[in-house]
Amino acid sequence: MNTTIKFFRSAAFSLAASAAACGALAQDTYPCKVVKLVSPYPPGGTTDILARLVAPGLAKELGTTVIVDNKGGASSNIGTEFVSAAPPDGCTLLLGNNTGIVINRNLYKLRLDPVKSLTPIVEVASVPLVLYVNAAESAKTVDQLSAAIKAAPGKYSFASGGSGSPQHLMGEMLKLEMKVDMTHIPYRGQGPALQDVIAGQVPVAFETTTAIASQLSGGGRIRALATTGSARSKNLPNVPTMKELGYDNFVVENWYGILAPAKTPAALTERLNRDLVKVLKSPEVSKSLADMGSRDVAGSAEQFNQFIAKELPYWESLVKRSGAKVD
């Protein structure tokens, strides 16, 4: 009898242990066979670069496939709305930025307000912008550029990845601060805008340190004049800030983060945040982000949510002050 009792106790213990193990496995198994990480811009810009930087590590942490899906157009509104309208199941994520999340709502009549239709997961990067020119331009300083534009009214234009982007708004601020006239040339993303400045089709633009670093390090086809950070960029130490040069309003960074559709279950957002922070703080990814000129901004989902709330009035004010319009 004692032997029989011991047998059943042992069997019961084994079954309980197996059930616990299965439960843990079920909890750790991500519910999507494929996660779509949407970049709302064409390939080549900062958003696309960051999406492809984090996708492999996220796939490893989730134990599933993560693909980067470029849905460019309408200054990131198309891709942003696509994710906003997706099922809140953790299978569709957005690598968005301040353009699509907090700026465009001041310029476009959007069908969905990203602040309400998306839930923040984690901030990925925050980088200053670079004022740069095609190397064929004679200007080697910001003052020389200002003088050249004033000497040739109607000749100069500036490129951006779309109306409402920080790059566009910085161009409008440049016109305002320097009291010069330039025509805004919007593109379907920063990649195409950068390529046309390199090709000499447009003489002037702002771009993030992330996207422009490799172009500045070789080829000599473009020239950096200044950055918009509060201090000099570590990867462009010889380039002065606009603030150093007397332009106090030009302290701006372009930020990027991963968001999911609103009403995504808390368990999924917590899982995604935990795994993404691990990816962002891994040696290889954190080094790449630092090389791109980004600060370490990875934190909790609530920290990202609070940060976005603070950004809203700043960009609303900047749009009004600059007089930016949708082209």
C-alpha atoms as a PDB file:
ATOM      1  CA  MET A   1       0.000   0.000   0.000  1.00  0.00           C
ATOM      2  CA  ASN A   2       2.796   2.407   0.924  1.00  0.00           C
ATOM      3  CA  THR A   3       4.490   1.644  -2.374  1.00  0.00           C
ATOM      4  CA  THR A   4       1.279   2.405  -4.270  1.00  0.00           C
ATOM      5  CA  ILE A   5       0.794   5.699  -2.407  1.00  0.00           C
ATOM      6  CA  LYS A   6       4.382   6.726  -3.136  1.00  0.00           C
ATOM      7  CA  PHE A   7       3.890   5.884  -6.815  1.00  0.00           C
ATOM      8  CA  PHE A   8       0.797   8.062  -7.154  1.00  0.00           C
ATOM      9  CA  ARG A   9       2.433  10.891  -5.227  1.00  0.00           C
ATOM     10  CA  SER A  10       5.433  10.710  -7.534  1.00  0.00           C
ATOM     11  CA  ALA A  11       3.226  10.617 -10.608  1.00  0.00           C
ATOM     12  CA  ALA A  12       1.185  13.568  -9.355  1.00  0.00           C
ATOM     13  CA  PHE A  13       4.345  15.571  -8.691  1.00  0.00           C
ATOM     14  CA  SER A  14       5.647  14.782 -12.193  1.00  0.00           C
ATOM     15  CA  LEU A  15       2.369  15.839 -13.787  1.00  0.00           C
ATOM     16  CA  ALA A  16       2.334  19.082 -11.801  1.00  0.00           C
ATOM     17  CA  ALA A  17       5.916  19.817 -12.824  1.00  0.00           C
ATOM     18  CA  SER A  18       5.113  19.092 -16.469  1.00  0.00           C
ATOM     19  CA  ALA A  19       2.045  21.338 -16.330  1.00  0.00           C
ATOM     20  CA  ALA A  20       4.100  24.155 -14.824  1.00  0.00           C
ATOM     21  CA  ALA A  21       6.734  23.754 -17.516  1.00  0.00           C
ATOM     22  CA  CYS A  22       4.094  23.790 -20.242  1.00  0.00           C
ATOM     23  CA  GLY A  23       2.500  26.870 -18.692  1.00  0.00           C
ATOM     24  CA  ALA A  24       5.836  28.678 -18.647  1.00  0.00           C
ATOM     25  CA  LEU A  25       6.459  27.678 -22.248  1.00  0.00           C
ATOM     26  CA  ALA A  26       3.049  28.969 -23.254  1.00  0.00           C
ATOM     27  CA  GLN A  27       3.723  32.257 -21.510  1.00  0.00           C
ATOM     28  CA  ASP A  28       7.115  32.632 -23.188  1.00  0.00           C
ATOM     29  CA  THR A  29       5.853  31.745 -26.667  1.00  0.00           C
ATOM     30  CA  TYR A  30       5.077  34.916 -28.620  1.00  0.00           C
ATOM     31  CA  PRO A  31       1.599  34.773 -30.204  1.00  0.00           C
ATOM     32  CA  CYS A  32       2.696  35.797 -33.733  1.00  0.00           C
ATOM     33  CA  LYS A  33       4.554  33.625 -36.211  1.00  0.00           C
ATOM     34  CA  VAL A  34       5.593  36.820 -38.011  1.00  0.00           C
ATOM     35  CA  VAL A  35       5.927  40.301 -36.536  1.00  0.00           C
ATOM     36  CA  LYS A  36       5.731  43.133 -39.046  1.00  0.00           C
ATOM     37  CA  LEU A  37       7.869  46.134 -38.045  1.00  0.00           C
ATOM     38  CA  VAL A  38       6.620  48.989 -40.206  1.00  0.00           C
ATOM     39  CA  SER A  39       8.971  51.776 -41.262  1.00  0.00           C
ATOM     40  CA  PRO A  40       6.726  54.562 -42.619  1.00  0.00           C
ATOM     41  CA  TYR A  41       9.432  55.732 -45.037  1.00  0.00           C
ATOM     42  CA  PRO A  42      11.243  54.296 -48.068  1.00  0.00           C
ATOM     43  CA  PRO A  43      14.554  52.466 -47.529  1.00  0.00           C
ATOM     44  CA  GLY A  44      17.664  54.529 -46.826  1.00  0.00           C
ATOM     45  CA  GLY A  45      16.511  56.997 -44.182  1.00  0.00           C
ATOM     46  CA  THR A  46      17.116  56.951 -40.439  1.00  0.00           C
ATOM     47  CA  THR A  47      13.846  55.197 -39.588  1.00  0.00           C
ATOM     48  CA  ASP A  48      14.608  52.362 -41.991  1.00  0.00           C
ATOM     49  CA  ILE A  49      18.184  52.072 -40.687  1.00  0.00           C
ATOM     50  CA  LEU A  50      16.968  51.815 -37.091  1.00  0.00           C
ATOM     51  CA  ALA A  51      14.251  49.290 -37.950  1.00  0.00           C
ATOM     52  CA  ARG A  52      16.781  47.000 -39.609  1.00  0.00           C
ATOM     53  CA  LEU A  53      19.165  47.477 -36.693  1.00  0.00           C
ATOM     54  CA  VAL A  54      16.726  46.232 -34.047  1.00  0.00           C
ATOM     55  CA  ALA A  55      14.779  43.624 -36.081  1.00  0.00           C
ATOM     56  CA  PRO A  56      17.300  40.734 -35.807  1.00  0.00           C
ATOM     57  CA  GLY A  57      17.680  41.065 -32.042  1.00  0.00           C
ATOM     58  CA  LEU A  58      13.925  41.400 -31.522  1.00  0.00           C
ATOM     59  CA  ALA A  59      13.344  38.247 -33.594  1.00  0.00           C
ATOM     60  CA  LYS A  60      15.806  36.375 -31.390  1.00  0.00           C
ATOM     61  CA  GLU A  61      14.239  37.595 -28.141  1.00  0.00           C
ATOM     62  CA  LEU A  62      10.665  36.871 -29.265  1.00  0.00           C
ATOM     63  CA  GLY A  63      11.566  33.567 -30.873  1.00  0.00           C
ATOM     64  CA  THR A  64       9.712  34.468 -34.037  1.00  0.00           C
ATOM     65  CA  THR A  65      10.254  36.096 -37.428  1.00  0.00           C
ATOM     66  CA  VAL A  66      10.450  39.892 -37.606  1.00  0.00           C
ATOM     67  CA  ILE A  67      10.297  41.571 -41.008  1.00  0.00           C
ATOM     68  CA  VAL A  68      10.790  45.249 -41.814  1.00  0.00           C
ATOM     69  CA  ASP A  69       7.971  46.537 -44.003  1.00  0.00           C
ATOM     70  CA  ASN A  70       8.535  49.921 -45.689  1.00  0.00           C
ATOM     71  CA  LYS A  71       5.256  51.788 -46.150  1.00  0.00           C
ATOM     72  CA  GLY A  72       6.376  55.257 -47.189  1.00  0.00           C
ATOM     73  CA  GLY A  73       4.390  58.243 -48.331  1.00  0.00           C
ATOM     74  CA  ALA A  74       2.477  61.295 -47.079  1.00  0.00           C
ATOM     75  CA  SER A  75       5.245  62.277 -44.670  1.00  0.00           C
ATOM     76  CA  SER A  76       4.936  58.928 -42.831  1.00  0.00           C
ATOM     77  CA  ASN A  77       1.149  59.193 -42.463  1.00  0.00           C
ATOM     78  CA  ILE A  78       0.440  56.110 -44.606  1.00  0.00           C
ATOM     79  CA  GLY A  79       2.572  53.725 -42.572  1.00  0.00           C
ATOM     80  CA  THR A  80       1.553  55.294 -39.273  1.00  0.00           C
ATOM     81  CA  GLU A  81      -2.138  54.939 -40.075  1.00  0.00           C
ATOM     82  CA  PHE A  82      -1.597  51.355 -41.256  1.00  0.00           C
ATOM     83  CA  VAL A  83      -0.281  50.363 -37.833  1.00  0.00           C
ATOM     84  CA  SER A  84      -2.873  52.476 -36.018  1.00  0.00           C
ATOM     85  CA  ALA A  85      -5.641  50.497 -37.731  1.00  0.00           C
ATOM     86  CA  ALA A  86      -4.007  47.075 -37.277  1.00  0.00           C
ATOM     87  CA  PRO A  87      -5.352  44.512 -34.774  1.00  0.00           C
ATOM     88  CA  PRO A  88      -3.888  45.066 -31.279  1.00  0.00           C
ATOM     89  CA  ASP A  89      -2.330  41.617 -31.161  1.00  0.00           C
ATOM     90  CA  GLY A  90       1.375  42.472 -31.075  1.00  0.00           C
ATOM     91  CA  CYS A  91       1.923  41.290 -34.645  1.00  0.00           C
ATOM     92  CA  THR A  92       2.178  44.763 -36.236  1.00  0.00           C
ATOM     93  CA  LEU A  93       4.491  47.410 -34.807  1.00  0.00           C
ATOM     94  CA  LEU A  94       5.593  50.857 -35.918  1.00  0.00           C
ATOM     95  CA  LEU A  95       9.059  52.344 -35.819  1.00  0.00           C
ATOM     96  CA  GLY A  96       7.817  55.913 -35.782  1.00  0.00           C
ATOM     97  CA  ASN A  97       9.357  59.290 -35.092  1.00  0.00           C
ATOM     98  CA  ASN A  98       8.368  62.760 -33.979  1.00  0.00           C
ATOM     99  CA  THR A  99       7.136  63.590 -37.494  1.00  0.00           C
ATOM    100  CA  GLY A 100       4.404  60.987 -37.580  1.00  0.00           C
ATOM    101  CA  ILE A 101       3.531  60.953 -33.893  1.00  0.00           C
ATOM    102  CA  VAL A 102       3.521  64.576 -32.692  1.00  0.00           C
ATOM    103  CA  ILE A 103       4.134  66.917 -35.659  1.00  0.00           C
ATOM    104  CA  ASN A 104       1.811  65.857 -38.479  1.00  0.00           C
ATOM    105  CA  ARG A 105      -1.271  66.207 -36.281  1.00  0.00           C
ATOM    106  CA  ASN A 106      -0.615  69.977 -36.479  1.00  0.00           C
ATOM    107  CA  LEU A 107      -0.377  70.027 -40.281  1.00  0.00           C
ATOM    108  CA  TYR A 108      -2.682  67.348 -41.706  1.00  0.00           C
ATOM    109  CA  LYS A 109      -6.305  66.351 -41.258  1.00  0.00           C
ATOM    110  CA  LEU A 110      -5.594  62.822 -40.046  1.00  0.00           C
ATOM    111  CA  ARG A 111      -8.210  60.107 -39.904  1.00  0.00           C
ATOM    112  CA  LEU A 112      -6.549  58.707 -36.783  1.00  0.00           C
ATOM    113  CA  ASP A 113      -4.647  60.712 -34.178  1.00  0.00           C
ATOM    114  CA  PRO A 114      -1.425  58.731 -33.537  1.00  0.00           C
ATOM    115  CA  VAL A 115      -1.313  59.891 -29.911  1.00  0.00           C
ATOM    116  CA  LYS A 116      -4.668  58.169 -29.307  1.00  0.00           C
ATOM    117  CA  SER A 117      -4.482  55.297 -31.803  1.00  0.00           C
ATOM    118  CA  LEU A 118      -1.014  54.024 -30.816  1.00  0.00           C
ATOM    119  CA  THR A 119       0.527  52.887 -27.559  1.00  0.00           C
ATOM    120  CA  PRO A 120       4.221  53.625 -26.869  1.00  0.00           C
ATOM    121  CA  ILE A 121       6.523  50.643 -26.320  1.00  0.00           C
ATOM    122  CA  VAL A 122      10.055  52.055 -26.122  1.00  0.00           C
ATOM    123  CA  GLU A 123      12.088  55.013 -27.331  1.00  0.00           C
ATOM    124  CA  VAL A 124      14.872  53.787 -29.618  1.00  0.00           C
ATOM    125  CA  ALA A 125      17.063  56.764 -30.504  1.00  0.00           C
ATOM    126  CA  SER A 126      17.377  60.540 -30.355  1.00  0.00           C
ATOM    127  CA  VAL A 127      19.787  62.274 -32.696  1.00  0.00           C
ATOM    128  CA  PRO A 128      20.615  65.841 -33.701  1.00  0.00           C
ATOM    129  CA  LEU A 129      20.198  67.124 -37.233  1.00  0.00           C
ATOM    130  CA  VAL A 130      22.982  68.335 -39.509  1.00  0.00           C
ATOM    131  CA  LEU A 131      22.707  71.380 -41.769  1.00  0.00           C
ATOM    132  CA  TYR A 132      24.614  70.369 -44.888  1.00  0.00           C
ATOM    133  CA  VAL A 133      25.163  71.471 -48.477  1.00  0.00           C
ATOM    134  CA  ASN A 134      26.262  69.905 -51.717  1.00  0.00           C
ATOM    135  CA  ALA A 135      30.053  70.086 -51.933  1.00  0.00           C
ATOM    136  CA  ALA A 136      29.841  72.211 -55.092  1.00  0.00           C
ATOM    137  CA  GLU A 137      28.403  75.064 -53.015  1.00  0.00           C
ATOM    138  CA  SER A 138      31.004  77.678 -52.064  1.00  0.00           C
ATOM    139  CA  ALA A 139      29.649  78.139 -48.512  1.00  0.00           C
ATOM    140  CA  LYS A 140      31.816  76.556 -45.838  1.00  0.00           C
ATOM    141  CA  THR A 141      30.054  78.156 -42.853  1.00  0.00           C
ATOM    142  CA  VAL A 142      26.486  79.002 -41.901  1.00  0.00           C
ATOM    143  CA  ASP A 143      27.186  82.734 -42.294  1.00  0.00           C
ATOM    144  CA  GLN A 144      28.579  82.159 -45.780  1.00  0.00           C
ATOM    145  CA  LEU A 145      25.486  80.154 -46.701  1.00  0.00           C
ATOM    146  CA  SER A 146      23.253  82.959 -45.455  1.00  0.00           C
ATOM    147  CA  ALA A 147      25.194  85.498 -47.523  1.00  0.00           C
ATOM    148  CA  ALA A 148      25.015  83.304 -50.642  1.00  0.00           C
ATOM    149  CA  ILE A 149      21.233  82.871 -50.339  1.00  0.00           C
ATOM    150  CA  LYS A 150      20.694  86.612 -49.835  1.00  0.00           C
ATOM    151  CA  ALA A 151      22.868  87.374 -52.857  1.00  0.00           C
ATOM    152  CA  ALA A 152      20.755  85.155 -55.143  1.00  0.00           C
ATOM    153  CA  PRO A 153      17.032  85.647 -54.324  1.00  0.00           C
ATOM    154  CA  GLY A 154      14.842  82.820 -55.611  1.00  0.00           C
ATOM    155  CA  LYS A 155      17.772  80.561 -56.514  1.00  0.00           C
ATOM    156  CA  TYR A 156      18.063  78.402 -53.415  1.00  0.00           C
ATOM    157  CA  SER A 157      15.893  75.504 -52.316  1.00  0.00           C
ATOM    158  CA  PHE A 158      16.130  72.948 -49.515  1.00  0.00           C
ATOM    159  CA  ALA A 159      15.175  69.287 -49.434  1.00  0.00           C
ATOM    160  CA  SER A 160      13.330  67.304 -46.767  1.00  0.00           C
ATOM    161  CA  GLY A 161      11.818  63.874 -46.393  1.00  0.00           C
ATOM    162  CA  GLY A 162       8.332  65.346 -46.407  1.00  0.00           C
ATOM    163  CA  SER A 163       6.197  68.228 -45.228  1.00  0.00           C
ATOM    164  CA  GLY A 164       6.142  68.441 -41.442  1.00  0.00           C
ATOM    165  CA  SER A 165       9.337  66.508 -40.861  1.00  0.00           C
ATOM    166  CA  PRO A 166      11.835  68.050 -38.413  1.00  0.00           C
ATOM    167  CA  GLN A 167      14.112  68.513 -41.424  1.00  0.00           C
ATOM    168  CA  HIS A 168      11.376  70.569 -43.108  1.00  0.00           C
ATOM    169  CA  LEU A 169      10.707  72.607 -39.972  1.00  0.00           C
ATOM    170  CA  MET A 170      14.409  73.332 -39.509  1.00  0.00           C
ATOM    171  CA  GLY A 171      14.533  74.622 -43.083  1.00  0.00           C
ATOM    172  CA  GLU A 172      11.591  76.917 -42.322  1.00  0.00           C
ATOM    173  CA  MET A 173      13.327  78.063 -39.132  1.00  0.00           C
ATOM    174  CA  LEU A 174      16.468  78.778 -41.152  1.00  0.00           C
ATOM    175  CA  LYS A 175      14.465  81.057 -43.434  1.00  0.00           C
ATOM    176  CA  LEU A 176      12.916  82.776 -40.429  1.00  0.00           C
ATOM    177  CA  GLU A 177      16.150  83.254 -38.461  1.00  0.00           C
ATOM    178  CA  MET A 178      18.292  84.319 -41.439  1.00  0.00           C
ATOM    179  CA  LYS A 179      15.512  86.308 -43.108  1.00  0.00           C
ATOM    180  CA  VAL A 180      16.152  84.539 -46.410  1.00  0.00           C
ATOM    181  CA  ASP A 181      13.963  83.041 -49.118  1.00  0.00           C
ATOM    182  CA  MET A 182      14.259  79.353 -50.031  1.00  0.00           C
ATOM    183  CA  THR A 183      11.855  76.948 -51.686  1.00  0.00           C
ATOM    184  CA  HIS A 184      10.960  73.761 -49.841  1.00  0.00           C
ATOM    185  CA  ILE A 185      11.311  70.565 -51.933  1.00  0.00           C
ATOM    186  CA  PRO A 186       9.557  67.673 -50.133  1.00  0.00           C
ATOM    187  CA  TYR A 187      10.454  64.043 -50.924  1.00  0.00           C
ATOM    188  CA  ARG A 188       8.881  60.704 -50.034  1.00  0.00           C
ATOM    189  CA  GLY A 189      11.476  60.104 -47.326  1.00  0.00           C
ATOM    190  CA  GLN A 190      14.871  61.269 -46.146  1.00  0.00           C
ATOM    191  CA  GLY A 191      16.735  58.715 -48.267  1.00  0.00           C
ATOM    192  CA  PRO A 192      15.598  60.224 -51.596  1.00  0.00           C
ATOM    193  CA  ALA A 193      16.129  63.761 -50.241  1.00  0.00           C
ATOM    194  CA  LEU A 194      19.702  62.966 -49.238  1.00  0.00           C
ATOM    195  CA  GLN A 195      20.455  61.367 -52.595  1.00  0.00           C
ATOM    196  CA  ASP A 196      19.282  64.440 -54.507  1.00  0.00           C
ATOM    197  CA  VAL A 197      21.453  66.759 -52.417  1.00  0.00           C
ATOM    198  CA  ILE A 198      24.403  64.440 -53.051  1.00  0.00           C
ATOM    199  CA  ALA A 199      23.578  64.532 -56.772  1.00  0.00           C
ATOM    200  CA  GLY A 200      23.420  68.340 -56.745  1.00  0.00           C
ATOM    201  CA  GLN A 201      19.719  68.558 -57.604  1.00  0.00           C
ATOM    202  CA  VAL A 202      19.030  70.500 -54.391  1.00  0.00           C
ATOM    203  CA  PRO A 203      21.779  72.543 -52.667  1.00  0.00           C
ATOM    204  CA  VAL A 204      20.766  72.523 -48.990  1.00  0.00           C
ATOM    205  CA  ALA A 205      19.114  70.232 -46.431  1.00  0.00           C
ATOM    206  CA  PHE A 206      19.015  69.057 -42.840  1.00  0.00           C
ATOM    207  CA  GLU A 207      19.585  65.392 -42.060  1.00  0.00           C
ATOM    208  CA  THR A 208      20.130  63.288 -38.964  1.00  0.00           C
ATOM    209  CA  THR A 209      23.622  62.302 -37.895  1.00  0.00           C
ATOM    210  CA  THR A 210      22.441  58.694 -38.278  1.00  0.00           C
ATOM    211  CA  ALA A 211      21.720  58.848 -41.995  1.00  0.00           C
ATOM    212  CA  ILE A 212      24.462  61.263 -43.001  1.00  0.00           C
ATOM    213  CA  ALA A 213      27.487  59.941 -41.101  1.00  0.00           C
ATOM    214  CA  SER A 214      28.631  57.491 -43.775  1.00  0.00           C
ATOM    215  CA  GLN A 215      28.228  60.106 -46.524  1.00  0.00           C
ATOM    216  CA  LEU A 216      30.337  62.639 -44.616  1.00  0.00           C
ATOM    217  CA  SER A 217      33.101  60.140 -43.924  1.00  0.00           C
ATOM    218  CA  GLY A 218      33.864  59.472 -47.563  1.00  0.00           C
ATOM    219  CA  GLY A 219      33.396  60.816 -51.046  1.00  0.00           C
ATOM    220  CA  GLY A 220      33.389  64.523 -50.244  1.00  0.00           C
ATOM    221  CA  ARG A 221      30.104  65.076 -52.084  1.00  0.00           C
ATOM    222  CA  ILE A 222      28.441  66.958 -49.231  1.00  0.00           C
ATOM    223  CA  ARG A 223      29.682  69.317 -46.514  1.00  0.00           C
ATOM    224  CA  ALA A 224      28.370  69.662 -42.939  1.00  0.00           C
ATOM    225  CA  LEU A 225      28.006  73.234 -41.694  1.00  0.00           C
ATOM    226  CA  ALA A 226      26.389  72.825 -38.258  1.00  0.00           C
ATOM    227  CA  THR A 227      24.375  70.503 -36.021  1.00  0.00           C
ATOM    228  CA  THR A 228      21.213  71.163 -33.993  1.00  0.00           C
ATOM    229  CA  GLY A 229      22.217  69.463 -30.744  1.00  0.00           C
ATOM    230  CA  SER A 230      22.673  71.224 -27.419  1.00  0.00           C
ATOM    231  CA  ALA A 231      26.347  70.172 -27.595  1.00  0.00           C
ATOM    232  CA  ARG A 232      28.635  69.030 -30.401  1.00  0.00           C
ATOM    233  CA  SER A 233      27.966  65.569 -31.724  1.00  0.00           C
ATOM    234  CA  LYS A 234      30.515  62.976 -30.599  1.00  0.00           C
ATOM    235  CA  ASN A 235      30.759  61.581 -34.103  1.00  0.00           C
ATOM    236  CA  LEU A 236      31.054  65.052 -35.671  1.00  0.00           C
ATOM    237  CA  PRO A 237      33.251  66.857 -33.110  1.00  0.00           C
ATOM    238  CA  ASN A 238      34.597  69.413 -35.594  1.00  0.00           C
ATOM    239  CA  VAL A 239      31.153  70.611 -36.660  1.00  0.00           C
ATOM    240  CA  PRO A 240      29.786  73.519 -34.546  1.00  0.00           C
ATOM    241  CA  THR A 241      26.247  73.612 -33.215  1.00  0.00           C
ATOM    242  CA  MET A 242      23.758  76.176 -34.457  1.00  0.00           C
ATOM    243  CA  LYS A 243      23.509  77.379 -30.853  1.00  0.00           C
ATOM    244  CA  GLU A 244      27.278  78.056 -30.789  1.00  0.00           C
ATOM    245  CA  LEU A 245      26.815  80.214 -33.855  1.00  0.00           C
ATOM    246  CA  GLY A 246      24.147  82.335 -32.200  1.00  0.00           C
ATOM    247  CA  TYR A 247      20.991  80.520 -33.338  1.00  0.00           C
ATOM    248  CA  ASP A 248      19.479  79.624 -29.965  1.00  0.00           C
ATOM    249  CA  ASN A 249      16.223  78.270 -31.425  1.00  0.00           C
ATOM    250  CA  PHE A 250      18.054  75.490 -33.250  1.00  0.00           C
ATOM    251  CA  VAL A 251      18.321  73.029 -30.367  1.00  0.00           C
ATOM    252  CA  VAL A 252      16.335  70.128 -31.763  1.00  0.00           C
ATOM    253  CA  GLU A 253      16.720  66.353 -31.895  1.00  0.00           C
ATOM    254  CA  ASN A 254      14.898  63.855 -34.043  1.00  0.00           C
ATOM    255  CA  TRP A 255      13.594  60.984 -31.925  1.00  0.00           C
ATOM    256  CA  TYR A 256      12.424  57.511 -32.849  1.00  0.00           C
ATOM    257  CA  GLY A 257      10.492  54.834 -31.039  1.00  0.00           C
ATOM    258  CA  ILE A 258       8.495  51.648 -31.387  1.00  0.00           C
ATOM    259  CA  LEU A 259       4.740  51.786 -30.912  1.00  0.00           C
ATOM    260  CA  ALA A 260       1.881  49.292 -31.175  1.00  0.00           C
ATOM    261  CA  PRO A 261      -1.821  49.747 -31.929  1.00  0.00           C
ATOM    262  CA  ALA A 262      -3.837  51.133 -29.022  1.00  0.00           C
ATOM    263  CA  LYS A 263      -5.516  48.525 -26.786  1.00  0.00           C
ATOM    264  CA  THR A 264      -2.641  46.089 -27.221  1.00  0.00           C
ATOM    265  CA  PRO A 265      -2.794  43.954 -24.041  1.00  0.00           C
ATOM    266  CA  ALA A 266      -0.534  45.123 -21.219  1.00  0.00           C
ATOM    267  CA  ALA A 267       1.179  41.721 -21.060  1.00  0.00           C
ATOM    268  CA  LEU A 268       2.291  42.102 -24.689  1.00  0.00           C
ATOM    269  CA  THR A 269       3.474  45.705 -24.317  1.00  0.00           C
ATOM    270  CA  GLU A 270       5.452  44.738 -21.220  1.00  0.00           C
ATOM    271  CA  ARG A 271       6.978  41.763 -23.032  1.00  0.00           C
ATOM    272  CA  LEU A 272       7.877  43.875 -26.047  1.00  0.00           C
ATOM    273  CA  ASN A 273       9.381  46.623 -23.893  1.00  0.00           C
ATOM    274  CA  ARG A 274      11.455  44.163 -21.880  1.00  0.00           C
ATOM    275  CA  ASP A 275      12.818  42.414 -24.965  1.00  0.00           C
ATOM    276  CA  LEU A 276      13.435  45.616 -26.916  1.00  0.00           C
ATOM    277  CA  VAL A 277      15.327  47.236 -24.036  1.00  0.00           C
ATOM    278  CA  LYS A 278      17.498  44.128 -23.927  1.00  0.00           C
ATOM    279  CA  VAL A 279      18.159  44.471 -27.673  1.00  0.00           C
ATOM    280  CA  LEU A 280      18.892  48.203 -27.478  1.00  0.00           C
ATOM    281  CA  LYS A 281      21.326  47.750 -24.605  1.00  0.00           C
ATOM    282  CA  SER A 282      23.172  44.839 -26.224  1.00  0.00           C
ATOM    283  CA  PRO A 283      26.836  45.734 -26.950  1.00  0.00           C
ATOM    284  CA  GLU A 284      26.529  45.618 -30.747  1.00  0.00           C
ATOM    285  CA  VAL A 285      23.299  47.655 -31.001  1.00  0.00           C
ATOM    286  CA  SER A 286      24.230  50.214 -28.341  1.00  0.00           C
ATOM    287  CA  LYS A 287      27.566  50.782 -30.098  1.00  0.00           C
ATOM    288  CA  SER A 288      25.823  51.257 -33.439  1.00  0.00           C
ATOM    289  CA  LEU A 289      23.425  53.766 -31.895  1.00  0.00           C
ATOM    290  CA  ALA A 290      26.307  55.678 -30.303  1.00  0.00           C
ATOM    291  CA  ASP A 291      28.152  55.707 -33.641  1.00  0.00           C
ATOM    292  CA  MET A 292      25.040  57.220 -35.201  1.00  0.00           C
ATOM    293  CA  GLY A 293      25.135  60.037 -32.649  1.00  0.00           C
ATOM    294  CA  SER A 294      22.213  58.857 -30.531  1.00  0.00           C
ATOM    295  CA  ARG A 295      21.888  59.210 -26.773  1.00  0.00           C
ATOM    296  CA  ASP A 296      20.926  56.161 -24.688  1.00  0.00           C
ATOM    297  CA  VAL A 297      17.168  56.705 -24.386  1.00  0.00           C
ATOM    298  CA  ALA A 298      15.821  53.160 -23.896  1.00  0.00           C
ATOM    299  CA  GLY A 299      13.514  52.963 -20.881  1.00  0.00           C
ATOM    300  CA  SER A 300      10.059  51.845 -19.820  1.00  0.00           C
ATOM    301  CA  ALA A 301       6.912  52.203 -21.903  1.00  0.00           C
ATOM    302  CA  GLU A 302       5.580  54.696 -19.351  1.00  0.00           C
ATOM    303  CA  GLN A 303       8.726  56.823 -19.657  1.00  0.00           C
ATOM    304  CA  PHE A 304       8.259  56.921 -23.437  1.00  0.00           C
ATOM    305  CA  ASN A 305       4.590  57.820 -22.989  1.00  0.00           C
ATOM    306  CA  GLN A 306       5.479  60.701 -20.648  1.00  0.00           C
ATOM    307  CA  PHE A 307       8.167  61.907 -23.050  1.00  0.00           C
ATOM    308  CA  ILE A 308       5.674  62.061 -25.932  1.00  0.00           C
ATOM    309  CA  ALA A 309       3.255  64.057 -23.752  1.00  0.00           C
ATOM    310  CA  LYS A 310       5.992  66.642 -23.137  1.00  0.00           C
ATOM    311  CA  GLU A 311       6.839  66.823 -26.847  1.00  0.00           C
ATOM    312  CA  LEU A 312       3.318  67.685 -27.988  1.00  0.00           C
ATOM    313  CA  PRO A 313       3.257  71.392 -27.008  1.00  0.00           C
ATOM    314  CA  TYR A 314       6.837  71.976 -28.210  1.00  0.00           C
ATOM    315  CA  TRP A 315       6.207  70.836 -31.776  1.00  0.00           C
ATOM    316  CA  GLU A 316       2.797  72.502 -31.933  1.00  0.00           C
ATOM    317  CA  SER A 317       4.473  75.791 -31.034  1.00  0.00           C
ATOM    318  CA  LEU A 318       7.312  75.243 -33.518  1.00  0.00           C
ATOM    319  CA  VAL A 319       4.881  74.596 -36.385  1.00  0.00           C
ATOM    320  CA  LYS A 320       3.086  77.871 -35.595  1.00  0.00           C
ATOM    321  CA  ARG A 321       6.277  79.924 -35.192  1.00  0.00           C
ATOM    322  CA  SER A 322       7.872  78.636 -38.364  1.00  0.00           C
ATOM    323  CA  GLY A 323       4.747  79.029 -40.460  1.00  0.00           C
ATOM    324  CA  ALA A 324       5.266  75.531 -41.905  1.00  0.00           C
ATOM    325  CA  LYS A 325       2.649  74.405 -44.398  1.00  0.00           C
ATOM    326  CA  VAL A 326       1.925  71.168 -46.215  1.00  0.00           C
ATOM    327  CA  ASP A 327       3.424  71.410 -49.720  1.00  0.00           C
END
